[in-house]
Amino acid sequence: MNAPSKRPPLRDSWVERIFDRMQGLYGSLWLDRWRSGEVIEHDGQRFDRGLLLAKATWGQELAGFSDHPERITRALEACRHRNLPPTLPEFLDLCRQQHPDAPVALPAPEVPQEVAQARAQELRQAADRIASRAFDGLAWAKTPPDRGARGSLWERRIIELAEQGHPKFLRILADHVEQGVIVSARASAAINAVAADVAA
């Protein structure tokens, strides 16, 4: 059994709607399920105690669907195809089976042709500016990290690429070794292995 919900119970108006709909679908089968015959006063009116307790329990257990009333509505519609009224656990399962509404997409705004053309021209100019900038795809490898390059993922990746024989990464690795940025034996071995291959 589920732990009691910490959320506030489902609004009374929703609980009343559920009970009204069930009474409409199932008549006395629904109400007789809850009637205890003990009449109590509540908010200045007389009610059957069993019915009040049932509504309070349903409200508490359905608290998790407060933000998804459409699921409750669909579960109520699903009850139309049942011969007997659902128990609370069955109704909770019906609610869980209902999928929340998908967000509705807004219609595309109507934009005058001249505004669309002006915006397209602005975008082309921005794209041209970006494309004209010099881009160095190896800048990440040429620039050591601010903190502790030694043993870092940055260092290991450069060494791996150099070991795989990528000439640009061999040059970058050699520069870092020469400057003392990378001082591992593995880096020196990678450079020496390539130098030996070139000499052979």
N, C-alpha and C. Protein backbone atom coordinates (compact mmCIF):
# COMPACT_ATOMS: atom_id res chain seq x y z
N MET A 1 0.85 -1.18 0.00
CA MET A 1 0.00 0.00 0.00
C MET A 1 0.89 1.23 0.00
N ASN A 2 0.45 2.28 -0.65
CA ASN A 2 1.22 3.51 -0.73
C ASN A 2 1.21 4.22 0.61
N ALA A 3 2.32 4.94 0.88
CA ALA A 3 2.38 5.76 2.09
C ALA A 3 1.41 6.92 1.92
N PRO A 4 0.85 7.43 3.02
CA PRO A 4 -0.08 8.55 2.91
C PRO A 4 0.59 9.73 2.22
N SER A 5 -0.18 10.42 1.38
CA SER A 5 0.34 11.57 0.65
C SER A 5 0.58 12.74 1.59
N LYS A 6 1.68 13.45 1.37
CA LYS A 6 2.00 14.65 2.15
C LYS A 6 1.37 15.89 1.51
N ARG A 7 0.80 15.73 0.34
CA ARG A 7 0.19 16.85 -0.37
C ARG A 7 -1.18 17.14 0.21
N PRO A 8 -1.65 18.37 0.03
CA PRO A 8 -3.02 18.66 0.47
C PRO A 8 -3.99 17.84 -0.37
N PRO A 9 -5.13 17.47 0.19
CA PRO A 9 -6.07 16.63 -0.55
C PRO A 9 -6.59 17.33 -1.80
N LEU A 10 -7.09 16.51 -2.69
CA LEU A 10 -7.74 17.03 -3.90
C LEU A 10 -8.86 17.96 -3.48
N ARG A 11 -9.04 19.04 -4.24
CA ARG A 11 -10.09 20.01 -3.89
C ARG A 11 -11.45 19.33 -3.76
N ASP A 12 -12.22 19.83 -2.81
CA ASP A 12 -13.56 19.27 -2.57
C ASP A 12 -14.42 19.30 -3.83
N SER A 13 -14.26 20.35 -4.64
CA SER A 13 -15.09 20.44 -5.85
C SER A 13 -14.80 19.28 -6.80
N TRP A 14 -13.54 18.83 -6.85
CA TRP A 14 -13.20 17.70 -7.70
C TRP A 14 -13.73 16.40 -7.11
N VAL A 15 -13.62 16.26 -5.80
CA VAL A 15 -14.15 15.04 -5.16
C VAL A 15 -15.65 14.96 -5.39
N GLU A 16 -16.34 16.10 -5.23
CA GLU A 16 -17.79 16.12 -5.48
C GLU A 16 -18.10 15.75 -6.92
N ARG A 17 -17.29 16.25 -7.84
CA ARG A 17 -17.50 15.94 -9.26
C ARG A 17 -17.34 14.44 -9.50
N ILE A 18 -16.31 13.85 -8.89
CA ILE A 18 -16.10 12.40 -9.04
C ILE A 18 -17.30 11.63 -8.51
N PHE A 19 -17.71 11.98 -7.29
CA PHE A 19 -18.82 11.25 -6.68
C PHE A 19 -20.13 11.46 -7.45
N ASP A 20 -20.36 12.67 -7.94
CA ASP A 20 -21.56 12.93 -8.74
C ASP A 20 -21.55 12.11 -10.02
N ARG A 21 -20.40 12.07 -10.68
CA ARG A 21 -20.29 11.32 -11.94
C ARG A 21 -20.50 9.83 -11.69
N MET A 22 -19.89 9.32 -10.63
CA MET A 22 -20.04 7.90 -10.31
C MET A 22 -21.49 7.57 -9.97
N GLN A 23 -22.14 8.48 -9.25
CA GLN A 23 -23.55 8.25 -8.92
C GLN A 23 -24.39 8.25 -10.19
N GLY A 24 -24.05 9.14 -11.12
CA GLY A 24 -24.76 9.17 -12.39
C GLY A 24 -24.55 7.90 -13.19
N LEU A 25 -23.35 7.34 -13.15
CA LEU A 25 -23.06 6.12 -13.90
C LEU A 25 -23.61 4.87 -13.24
N TYR A 26 -23.49 4.80 -11.91
CA TYR A 26 -23.78 3.54 -11.21
C TYR A 26 -24.95 3.61 -10.24
N GLY A 27 -25.51 4.80 -10.03
CA GLY A 27 -26.66 4.93 -9.15
C GLY A 27 -26.41 4.43 -7.75
N SER A 28 -27.35 3.61 -7.24
CA SER A 28 -27.26 3.16 -5.85
C SER A 28 -26.08 2.22 -5.62
N LEU A 29 -25.59 1.57 -6.68
CA LEU A 29 -24.39 0.73 -6.52
C LEU A 29 -23.24 1.56 -5.95
N TRP A 30 -23.17 2.80 -6.38
CA TRP A 30 -22.11 3.69 -5.91
C TRP A 30 -22.38 4.17 -4.49
N LEU A 31 -23.53 4.74 -4.29
CA LEU A 31 -23.82 5.33 -2.97
C LEU A 31 -23.93 4.29 -1.87
N ASP A 32 -24.53 3.14 -2.16
CA ASP A 32 -24.70 2.11 -1.13
C ASP A 32 -23.35 1.57 -0.66
N ARG A 33 -22.36 1.71 -1.50
CA ARG A 33 -21.02 1.26 -1.13
C ARG A 33 -20.49 2.05 0.06
N TRP A 34 -20.92 3.31 0.20
CA TRP A 34 -20.35 4.21 1.21
C TRP A 34 -21.29 4.49 2.38
N ARG A 35 -22.56 4.33 2.18
CA ARG A 35 -23.52 4.68 3.24
C ARG A 35 -23.32 3.81 4.48
N SER A 36 -23.28 4.49 5.63
CA SER A 36 -23.16 3.77 6.90
C SER A 36 -24.46 3.82 7.69
N GLY A 37 -25.33 4.73 7.33
CA GLY A 37 -26.57 4.90 8.06
C GLY A 37 -26.44 5.83 9.25
N GLU A 38 -25.22 6.19 9.58
CA GLU A 38 -24.98 7.11 10.70
C GLU A 38 -24.97 8.53 10.15
N VAL A 39 -25.90 9.35 10.58
CA VAL A 39 -26.02 10.72 10.08
C VAL A 39 -25.31 11.66 11.04
N ILE A 40 -24.48 12.54 10.46
CA ILE A 40 -23.79 13.55 11.27
C ILE A 40 -23.99 14.91 10.62
N GLU A 41 -23.79 15.95 11.43
CA GLU A 41 -23.88 17.31 10.89
C GLU A 41 -22.49 17.77 10.51
N HIS A 42 -22.43 18.39 9.34
CA HIS A 42 -21.15 18.90 8.83
C HIS A 42 -21.47 20.19 8.07
N ASP A 43 -20.84 21.28 8.47
CA ASP A 43 -21.09 22.59 7.84
C ASP A 43 -22.58 22.93 7.84
N GLY A 44 -23.26 22.61 8.93
CA GLY A 44 -24.66 22.97 9.07
C GLY A 44 -25.62 22.08 8.29
N GLN A 45 -25.10 21.02 7.68
CA GLN A 45 -25.97 20.12 6.93
C GLN A 45 -25.81 18.71 7.48
N ARG A 46 -26.77 17.86 7.15
CA ARG A 46 -26.73 16.48 7.63
C ARG A 46 -26.22 15.58 6.50
N PHE A 47 -25.26 14.74 6.86
CA PHE A 47 -24.64 13.84 5.89
C PHE A 47 -24.49 12.45 6.48
N ASP A 48 -24.39 11.49 5.59
CA ASP A 48 -24.07 10.14 6.02
C ASP A 48 -22.57 10.11 6.34
N ARG A 49 -22.23 9.62 7.52
CA ARG A 49 -20.84 9.61 7.98
C ARG A 49 -19.95 8.80 7.02
N GLY A 50 -20.43 7.64 6.58
CA GLY A 50 -19.65 6.80 5.67
C GLY A 50 -19.32 7.51 4.37
N LEU A 51 -20.29 8.27 3.84
CA LEU A 51 -20.07 9.01 2.60
C LEU A 51 -19.04 10.11 2.80
N LEU A 52 -19.12 10.82 3.93
CA LEU A 52 -18.12 11.86 4.22
C LEU A 52 -16.73 11.28 4.35
N LEU A 53 -16.61 10.15 5.05
CA LEU A 53 -15.29 9.51 5.20
C LEU A 53 -14.75 9.04 3.86
N ALA A 54 -15.63 8.50 3.02
CA ALA A 54 -15.20 8.04 1.70
C ALA A 54 -14.69 9.22 0.87
N LYS A 55 -15.40 10.33 0.88
CA LYS A 55 -14.97 11.50 0.12
C LYS A 55 -13.63 12.02 0.63
N ALA A 56 -13.47 12.05 1.95
CA ALA A 56 -12.20 12.52 2.53
C ALA A 56 -11.05 11.60 2.11
N THR A 57 -11.29 10.30 2.13
CA THR A 57 -10.25 9.34 1.75
C THR A 57 -9.91 9.47 0.27
N TRP A 58 -10.91 9.57 -0.58
CA TRP A 58 -10.66 9.73 -2.01
C TRP A 58 -9.90 11.03 -2.27
N GLY A 59 -10.29 12.10 -1.58
CA GLY A 59 -9.59 13.37 -1.77
C GLY A 59 -8.13 13.28 -1.39
N GLN A 60 -7.83 12.59 -0.28
CA GLN A 60 -6.44 12.46 0.16
C GLN A 60 -5.64 11.59 -0.80
N GLU A 61 -6.20 10.46 -1.20
CA GLU A 61 -5.48 9.52 -2.06
C GLU A 61 -5.27 10.06 -3.48
N LEU A 62 -6.17 10.93 -3.93
CA LEU A 62 -6.05 11.49 -5.28
C LEU A 62 -5.27 12.80 -5.29
N ALA A 63 -4.67 13.15 -4.15
CA ALA A 63 -3.92 14.42 -4.06
C ALA A 63 -2.83 14.52 -5.12
N GLY A 64 -2.22 13.41 -5.48
CA GLY A 64 -1.16 13.43 -6.47
C GLY A 64 -1.61 13.83 -7.86
N PHE A 65 -2.90 13.88 -8.08
CA PHE A 65 -3.42 14.26 -9.40
C PHE A 65 -3.99 15.68 -9.41
N SER A 66 -3.74 16.43 -8.34
CA SER A 66 -4.24 17.82 -8.27
C SER A 66 -3.75 18.66 -9.44
N ASP A 67 -2.51 18.40 -9.88
CA ASP A 67 -1.94 19.17 -10.99
C ASP A 67 -2.31 18.59 -12.35
N HIS A 68 -3.01 17.47 -12.35
CA HIS A 68 -3.38 16.82 -13.61
C HIS A 68 -4.86 16.45 -13.62
N PRO A 69 -5.74 17.43 -13.51
CA PRO A 69 -7.17 17.11 -13.48
C PRO A 69 -7.65 16.43 -14.76
N GLU A 70 -6.93 16.62 -15.86
CA GLU A 70 -7.34 15.96 -17.10
C GLU A 70 -7.23 14.44 -16.97
N ARG A 71 -6.32 13.96 -16.13
CA ARG A 71 -6.20 12.52 -15.93
C ARG A 71 -7.42 11.98 -15.17
N ILE A 72 -7.89 12.77 -14.21
CA ILE A 72 -9.09 12.37 -13.47
C ILE A 72 -10.29 12.35 -14.41
N THR A 73 -10.40 13.38 -15.26
CA THR A 73 -11.51 13.44 -16.22
C THR A 73 -11.49 12.23 -17.14
N ARG A 74 -10.31 11.87 -17.63
CA ARG A 74 -10.22 10.71 -18.52
C ARG A 74 -10.52 9.41 -17.79
N ALA A 75 -10.10 9.32 -16.53
CA ALA A 75 -10.40 8.12 -15.73
C ALA A 75 -11.91 8.00 -15.54
N LEU A 76 -12.58 9.13 -15.30
CA LEU A 76 -14.04 9.10 -15.17
C LEU A 76 -14.69 8.63 -16.47
N GLU A 77 -14.15 9.10 -17.60
CA GLU A 77 -14.70 8.67 -18.89
C GLU A 77 -14.47 7.17 -19.10
N ALA A 78 -13.33 6.67 -18.63
CA ALA A 78 -13.05 5.23 -18.76
C ALA A 78 -14.03 4.39 -17.96
N CYS A 79 -14.59 4.97 -16.90
CA CYS A 79 -15.57 4.24 -16.07
C CYS A 79 -16.86 3.96 -16.83
N ARG A 80 -17.13 4.70 -17.89
CA ARG A 80 -18.35 4.48 -18.68
C ARG A 80 -18.39 3.07 -19.26
N HIS A 81 -17.23 2.45 -19.40
CA HIS A 81 -17.15 1.13 -20.02
C HIS A 81 -17.07 0.01 -18.99
N ARG A 82 -17.25 0.35 -17.74
CA ARG A 82 -17.20 -0.65 -16.66
C ARG A 82 -18.61 -0.94 -16.17
N ASN A 83 -18.87 -2.19 -15.86
CA ASN A 83 -20.19 -2.58 -15.35
C ASN A 83 -20.35 -2.26 -13.87
N LEU A 84 -19.25 -2.26 -13.14
CA LEU A 84 -19.29 -2.01 -11.70
C LEU A 84 -18.44 -0.79 -11.38
N PRO A 85 -18.80 -0.06 -10.35
CA PRO A 85 -17.99 1.10 -9.98
C PRO A 85 -16.61 0.67 -9.49
N PRO A 86 -15.60 1.47 -9.77
CA PRO A 86 -14.25 1.11 -9.34
C PRO A 86 -14.06 1.33 -7.84
N THR A 87 -13.19 0.53 -7.27
CA THR A 87 -12.74 0.80 -5.90
C THR A 87 -11.74 1.95 -5.99
N LEU A 88 -11.34 2.48 -4.86
CA LEU A 88 -10.36 3.56 -4.88
C LEU A 88 -9.05 3.12 -5.53
N PRO A 89 -8.48 1.94 -5.18
CA PRO A 89 -7.25 1.52 -5.86
C PRO A 89 -7.44 1.37 -7.37
N GLU A 90 -8.60 0.88 -7.80
CA GLU A 90 -8.85 0.74 -9.23
C GLU A 90 -8.92 2.11 -9.90
N PHE A 91 -9.55 3.07 -9.24
CA PHE A 91 -9.65 4.41 -9.82
C PHE A 91 -8.28 5.07 -9.87
N LEU A 92 -7.46 4.86 -8.84
CA LEU A 92 -6.09 5.39 -8.87
C LEU A 92 -5.33 4.82 -10.06
N ASP A 93 -5.48 3.52 -10.30
CA ASP A 93 -4.83 2.90 -11.46
C ASP A 93 -5.33 3.51 -12.77
N LEU A 94 -6.64 3.74 -12.86
CA LEU A 94 -7.18 4.38 -14.06
C LEU A 94 -6.56 5.76 -14.27
N CYS A 95 -6.41 6.52 -13.20
CA CYS A 95 -5.80 7.86 -13.30
C CYS A 95 -4.35 7.75 -13.76
N ARG A 96 -3.62 6.79 -13.22
CA ARG A 96 -2.20 6.62 -13.59
C ARG A 96 -2.06 6.23 -15.06
N GLN A 97 -3.03 5.50 -15.59
CA GLN A 97 -2.97 5.05 -16.98
C GLN A 97 -3.21 6.18 -17.97
N GLN A 98 -3.77 7.27 -17.51
CA GLN A 98 -4.07 8.38 -18.41
C GLN A 98 -2.82 9.24 -18.56
N HIS A 99 -2.53 9.62 -19.77
CA HIS A 99 -1.35 10.43 -20.03
C HIS A 99 -1.70 11.91 -19.91
N PRO A 100 -0.78 12.70 -19.35
CA PRO A 100 -1.07 14.14 -19.25
C PRO A 100 -1.18 14.75 -20.65
N ASP A 101 -1.88 15.85 -20.71
CA ASP A 101 -2.04 16.55 -21.99
C ASP A 101 -0.69 16.98 -22.53
N ALA A 102 -0.53 16.84 -23.84
CA ALA A 102 0.66 17.36 -24.49
C ALA A 102 0.50 18.86 -24.62
N PRO A 103 1.60 19.59 -24.48
CA PRO A 103 1.49 21.04 -24.63
C PRO A 103 0.99 21.39 -26.04
N VAL A 104 0.15 22.35 -26.11
CA VAL A 104 -0.40 22.77 -27.39
C VAL A 104 0.53 23.81 -28.01
N ALA A 105 0.92 23.55 -29.24
CA ALA A 105 1.80 24.48 -29.93
C ALA A 105 0.99 25.70 -30.38
N LEU A 106 1.59 26.84 -30.22
CA LEU A 106 0.95 28.06 -30.69
C LEU A 106 1.06 28.13 -32.20
N PRO A 107 0.10 28.74 -32.86
CA PRO A 107 0.22 28.88 -34.31
C PRO A 107 1.39 29.79 -34.65
N ALA A 108 1.97 29.55 -35.80
CA ALA A 108 3.09 30.39 -36.23
C ALA A 108 2.61 31.83 -36.39
N PRO A 109 3.41 32.77 -35.92
CA PRO A 109 2.99 34.16 -36.06
C PRO A 109 3.00 34.58 -37.53
N GLU A 110 2.10 35.45 -37.86
CA GLU A 110 2.07 35.98 -39.22
C GLU A 110 3.05 37.14 -39.30
N VAL A 111 4.04 37.00 -40.18
CA VAL A 111 5.08 38.01 -40.31
C VAL A 111 4.99 38.57 -41.73
N PRO A 112 4.92 39.88 -41.85
CA PRO A 112 4.90 40.47 -43.20
C PRO A 112 6.15 40.08 -43.99
N GLN A 113 6.01 39.94 -45.29
CA GLN A 113 7.10 39.50 -46.16
C GLN A 113 8.34 40.38 -46.01
N GLU A 114 8.16 41.70 -45.95
CA GLU A 114 9.33 42.58 -45.87
C GLU A 114 10.07 42.41 -44.54
N VAL A 115 9.33 42.14 -43.47
CA VAL A 115 9.96 41.90 -42.16
C VAL A 115 10.74 40.59 -42.20
N ALA A 116 10.16 39.55 -42.80
CA ALA A 116 10.83 38.26 -42.91
C ALA A 116 12.10 38.38 -43.74
N GLN A 117 12.04 39.14 -44.84
CA GLN A 117 13.22 39.31 -45.69
C GLN A 117 14.31 40.09 -44.96
N ALA A 118 13.92 41.12 -44.22
CA ALA A 118 14.91 41.90 -43.46
C ALA A 118 15.57 41.02 -42.40
N ARG A 119 14.78 40.21 -41.72
CA ARG A 119 15.33 39.31 -40.68
C ARG A 119 16.26 38.27 -41.30
N ALA A 120 15.88 37.74 -42.47
CA ALA A 120 16.72 36.76 -43.16
C ALA A 120 18.05 37.40 -43.55
N GLN A 121 18.02 38.66 -44.00
CA GLN A 121 19.25 39.37 -44.36
C GLN A 121 20.14 39.55 -43.13
N GLU A 122 19.53 39.91 -41.99
CA GLU A 122 20.30 40.07 -40.75
C GLU A 122 20.97 38.75 -40.35
N LEU A 123 20.23 37.65 -40.50
CA LEU A 123 20.79 36.35 -40.15
C LEU A 123 21.93 35.96 -41.09
N ARG A 124 21.78 36.26 -42.40
CA ARG A 124 22.86 35.97 -43.35
C ARG A 124 24.11 36.76 -43.00
N GLN A 125 23.93 38.04 -42.64
CA GLN A 125 25.08 38.87 -42.28
C GLN A 125 25.76 38.34 -41.01
N ALA A 126 24.97 37.92 -40.04
CA ALA A 126 25.54 37.37 -38.81
C ALA A 126 26.29 36.08 -39.12
N ALA A 127 25.72 35.23 -39.98
CA ALA A 127 26.38 33.98 -40.35
C ALA A 127 27.69 34.25 -41.08
N ASP A 128 27.69 35.26 -41.97
CA ASP A 128 28.92 35.62 -42.70
C ASP A 128 29.99 36.11 -41.74
N ARG A 129 29.58 36.93 -40.73
CA ARG A 129 30.56 37.41 -39.75
C ARG A 129 31.19 36.25 -38.98
N ILE A 130 30.35 35.31 -38.58
CA ILE A 130 30.85 34.16 -37.82
C ILE A 130 31.76 33.31 -38.69
N ALA A 131 31.36 33.09 -39.95
CA ALA A 131 32.15 32.25 -40.84
C ALA A 131 33.49 32.88 -41.19
N SER A 132 33.56 34.21 -41.17
CA SER A 132 34.80 34.88 -41.55
C SER A 132 35.83 34.89 -40.41
N ARG A 133 35.41 34.57 -39.22
CA ARG A 133 36.35 34.53 -38.09
C ARG A 133 37.29 33.34 -38.24
N ALA A 134 38.53 33.57 -37.86
CA ALA A 134 39.50 32.48 -37.86
C ALA A 134 39.16 31.53 -36.72
N PHE A 135 39.17 30.24 -37.02
CA PHE A 135 38.85 29.25 -35.99
C PHE A 135 39.96 28.23 -35.93
N ASP A 136 40.48 28.06 -34.76
CA ASP A 136 41.53 27.08 -34.55
C ASP A 136 40.94 25.92 -33.77
N GLY A 137 40.68 24.83 -34.45
CA GLY A 137 40.09 23.66 -33.82
C GLY A 137 41.02 22.96 -32.86
N LEU A 138 42.29 23.37 -32.85
CA LEU A 138 43.26 22.74 -31.95
C LEU A 138 43.62 23.63 -30.77
N ALA A 139 42.92 24.74 -30.63
CA ALA A 139 43.24 25.68 -29.55
C ALA A 139 43.17 25.01 -28.19
N TRP A 140 42.24 24.09 -28.01
CA TRP A 140 42.11 23.41 -26.72
C TRP A 140 43.38 22.64 -26.37
N ALA A 141 44.03 22.08 -27.40
CA ALA A 141 45.24 21.29 -27.15
C ALA A 141 46.46 22.18 -26.97
N LYS A 142 46.46 23.32 -27.63
CA LYS A 142 47.61 24.23 -27.55
C LYS A 142 47.66 24.99 -26.23
N THR A 143 46.51 25.18 -25.62
CA THR A 143 46.43 25.99 -24.40
C THR A 143 46.24 25.09 -23.19
N PRO A 144 47.24 25.04 -22.29
CA PRO A 144 47.08 24.18 -21.11
C PRO A 144 45.98 24.70 -20.19
N PRO A 145 45.37 23.80 -19.43
CA PRO A 145 44.34 24.24 -18.49
C PRO A 145 44.94 25.14 -17.41
N ASP A 146 44.08 25.93 -16.78
CA ASP A 146 44.54 26.87 -15.76
C ASP A 146 45.22 26.17 -14.59
N ARG A 147 44.70 25.01 -14.23
CA ARG A 147 45.25 24.30 -13.07
C ARG A 147 45.79 22.94 -13.48
N GLY A 148 46.88 22.58 -12.91
CA GLY A 148 47.47 21.25 -12.97
C GLY A 148 47.27 20.46 -14.24
N ALA A 149 48.06 20.75 -15.26
CA ALA A 149 47.98 19.98 -16.50
C ALA A 149 48.54 18.58 -16.30
N ARG A 150 49.47 18.45 -15.37
CA ARG A 150 50.17 17.18 -15.18
C ARG A 150 49.20 16.08 -14.76
N GLY A 151 49.13 15.02 -15.57
CA GLY A 151 48.27 13.89 -15.27
C GLY A 151 46.80 14.11 -15.58
N SER A 152 46.47 15.27 -16.13
CA SER A 152 45.07 15.59 -16.38
C SER A 152 44.54 14.86 -17.61
N LEU A 153 43.24 14.88 -17.75
CA LEU A 153 42.60 14.31 -18.93
C LEU A 153 43.10 15.04 -20.18
N TRP A 154 43.29 16.35 -20.07
CA TRP A 154 43.82 17.16 -21.18
C TRP A 154 45.16 16.59 -21.64
N GLU A 155 46.06 16.36 -20.69
CA GLU A 155 47.39 15.83 -21.02
C GLU A 155 47.28 14.43 -21.63
N ARG A 156 46.50 13.57 -21.02
CA ARG A 156 46.37 12.19 -21.53
C ARG A 156 45.81 12.16 -22.94
N ARG A 157 44.84 13.03 -23.23
CA ARG A 157 44.22 13.04 -24.57
C ARG A 157 45.23 13.49 -25.63
N ILE A 158 46.03 14.50 -25.32
CA ILE A 158 47.05 14.95 -26.28
C ILE A 158 48.05 13.84 -26.55
N ILE A 159 48.50 13.17 -25.49
CA ILE A 159 49.46 12.07 -25.65
C ILE A 159 48.85 10.95 -26.48
N GLU A 160 47.60 10.58 -26.21
CA GLU A 160 46.94 9.51 -26.97
C GLU A 160 46.88 9.85 -28.46
N LEU A 161 46.51 11.09 -28.77
CA LEU A 161 46.41 11.49 -30.18
C LEU A 161 47.79 11.52 -30.83
N ALA A 162 48.80 11.92 -30.08
CA ALA A 162 50.17 11.90 -30.61
C ALA A 162 50.62 10.46 -30.84
N GLU A 163 50.31 9.56 -29.90
CA GLU A 163 50.68 8.15 -30.05
C GLU A 163 49.99 7.52 -31.26
N GLN A 164 48.82 8.02 -31.61
CA GLN A 164 48.11 7.50 -32.78
C GLN A 164 48.70 8.03 -34.08
N GLY A 165 49.66 8.91 -33.98
CA GLY A 165 50.37 9.39 -35.15
C GLY A 165 49.81 10.63 -35.81
N HIS A 166 48.97 11.37 -35.13
CA HIS A 166 48.45 12.61 -35.69
C HIS A 166 49.56 13.66 -35.66
N PRO A 167 50.03 14.11 -36.84
CA PRO A 167 51.19 15.01 -36.89
C PRO A 167 50.99 16.32 -36.12
N LYS A 168 49.81 16.91 -36.20
CA LYS A 168 49.59 18.18 -35.49
C LYS A 168 49.69 17.98 -33.98
N PHE A 169 49.18 16.86 -33.50
CA PHE A 169 49.24 16.61 -32.06
C PHE A 169 50.66 16.23 -31.62
N LEU A 170 51.43 15.62 -32.52
CA LEU A 170 52.84 15.36 -32.20
C LEU A 170 53.58 16.68 -32.01
N ARG A 171 53.31 17.64 -32.90
CA ARG A 171 53.97 18.95 -32.81
C ARG A 171 53.55 19.66 -31.52
N ILE A 172 52.24 19.62 -31.22
CA ILE A 172 51.73 20.27 -30.00
C ILE A 172 52.35 19.61 -28.77
N LEU A 173 52.41 18.27 -28.76
CA LEU A 173 52.99 17.56 -27.62
C LEU A 173 54.46 17.91 -27.47
N ALA A 174 55.19 17.95 -28.58
CA ALA A 174 56.61 18.30 -28.52
C ALA A 174 56.79 19.70 -27.95
N ASP A 175 55.95 20.64 -28.35
CA ASP A 175 56.03 22.01 -27.81
C ASP A 175 55.79 22.02 -26.30
N HIS A 176 54.78 21.28 -25.85
CA HIS A 176 54.47 21.24 -24.41
C HIS A 176 55.60 20.59 -23.61
N VAL A 177 56.22 19.54 -24.18
CA VAL A 177 57.34 18.89 -23.49
C VAL A 177 58.52 19.85 -23.43
N GLU A 178 58.79 20.53 -24.54
CA GLU A 178 59.90 21.49 -24.60
C GLU A 178 59.71 22.63 -23.60
N GLN A 179 58.46 23.08 -23.41
CA GLN A 179 58.18 24.18 -22.47
C GLN A 179 58.04 23.70 -21.03
N GLY A 180 58.06 22.38 -20.81
CA GLY A 180 57.94 21.85 -19.46
C GLY A 180 56.51 21.79 -18.96
N VAL A 181 55.54 21.96 -19.85
CA VAL A 181 54.13 21.89 -19.45
C VAL A 181 53.74 20.43 -19.23
N ILE A 182 54.20 19.55 -20.14
CA ILE A 182 53.97 18.11 -20.00
C ILE A 182 55.33 17.47 -19.80
N VAL A 183 55.48 16.73 -18.70
CA VAL A 183 56.79 16.16 -18.37
C VAL A 183 56.73 14.65 -18.12
N SER A 184 55.71 13.99 -18.60
CA SER A 184 55.57 12.56 -18.31
C SER A 184 56.48 11.72 -19.21
N ALA A 185 56.83 10.57 -18.69
CA ALA A 185 57.66 9.63 -19.45
C ALA A 185 56.90 9.14 -20.68
N ARG A 186 55.60 8.99 -20.56
CA ARG A 186 54.78 8.54 -21.69
C ARG A 186 54.84 9.54 -22.84
N ALA A 187 54.83 10.84 -22.52
CA ALA A 187 54.91 11.87 -23.56
C ALA A 187 56.25 11.79 -24.28
N SER A 188 57.32 11.67 -23.52
CA SER A 188 58.66 11.56 -24.13
C SER A 188 58.75 10.30 -24.98
N ALA A 189 58.17 9.20 -24.49
CA ALA A 189 58.21 7.95 -25.25
C ALA A 189 57.44 8.10 -26.57
N ALA A 190 56.31 8.81 -26.54
CA ALA A 190 55.53 9.01 -27.77
C ALA A 190 56.33 9.80 -28.79
N ILE A 191 57.01 10.84 -28.34
CA ILE A 191 57.82 11.66 -29.25
C ILE A 191 58.99 10.85 -29.79
N ASN A 192 59.67 10.11 -28.91
CA ASN A 192 60.83 9.30 -29.33
C ASN A 192 60.41 8.21 -30.30
N ALA A 193 59.24 7.61 -30.10
CA ALA A 193 58.77 6.55 -31.00
C ALA A 193 58.54 7.11 -32.40
N VAL A 194 57.99 8.29 -32.48
CA VAL A 194 57.75 8.90 -33.79
C VAL A 194 59.07 9.28 -34.44
N ALA A 195 59.97 9.83 -33.63
CA ALA A 195 61.29 10.20 -34.16
C ALA A 195 62.01 8.97 -34.69
N ALA A 196 61.88 7.84 -34.00
CA ALA A 196 62.52 6.60 -34.44
C ALA A 196 61.88 6.11 -35.74
N ASP A 197 60.55 6.25 -35.87
CA ASP A 197 59.87 5.84 -37.10
C ASP A 197 60.30 6.69 -38.27
N VAL A 198 60.48 8.00 -38.04
CA VAL A 198 60.89 8.91 -39.10
C VAL A 198 62.32 8.59 -39.54
N ALA A 199 63.18 8.28 -38.57
CA ALA A 199 64.58 7.99 -38.87
C ALA A 199 64.72 6.66 -39.60
N ALA A 200 63.80 5.73 -39.40
CA ALA A 200 63.93 4.39 -40.00
C ALA A 200 63.60 4.37 -41.46
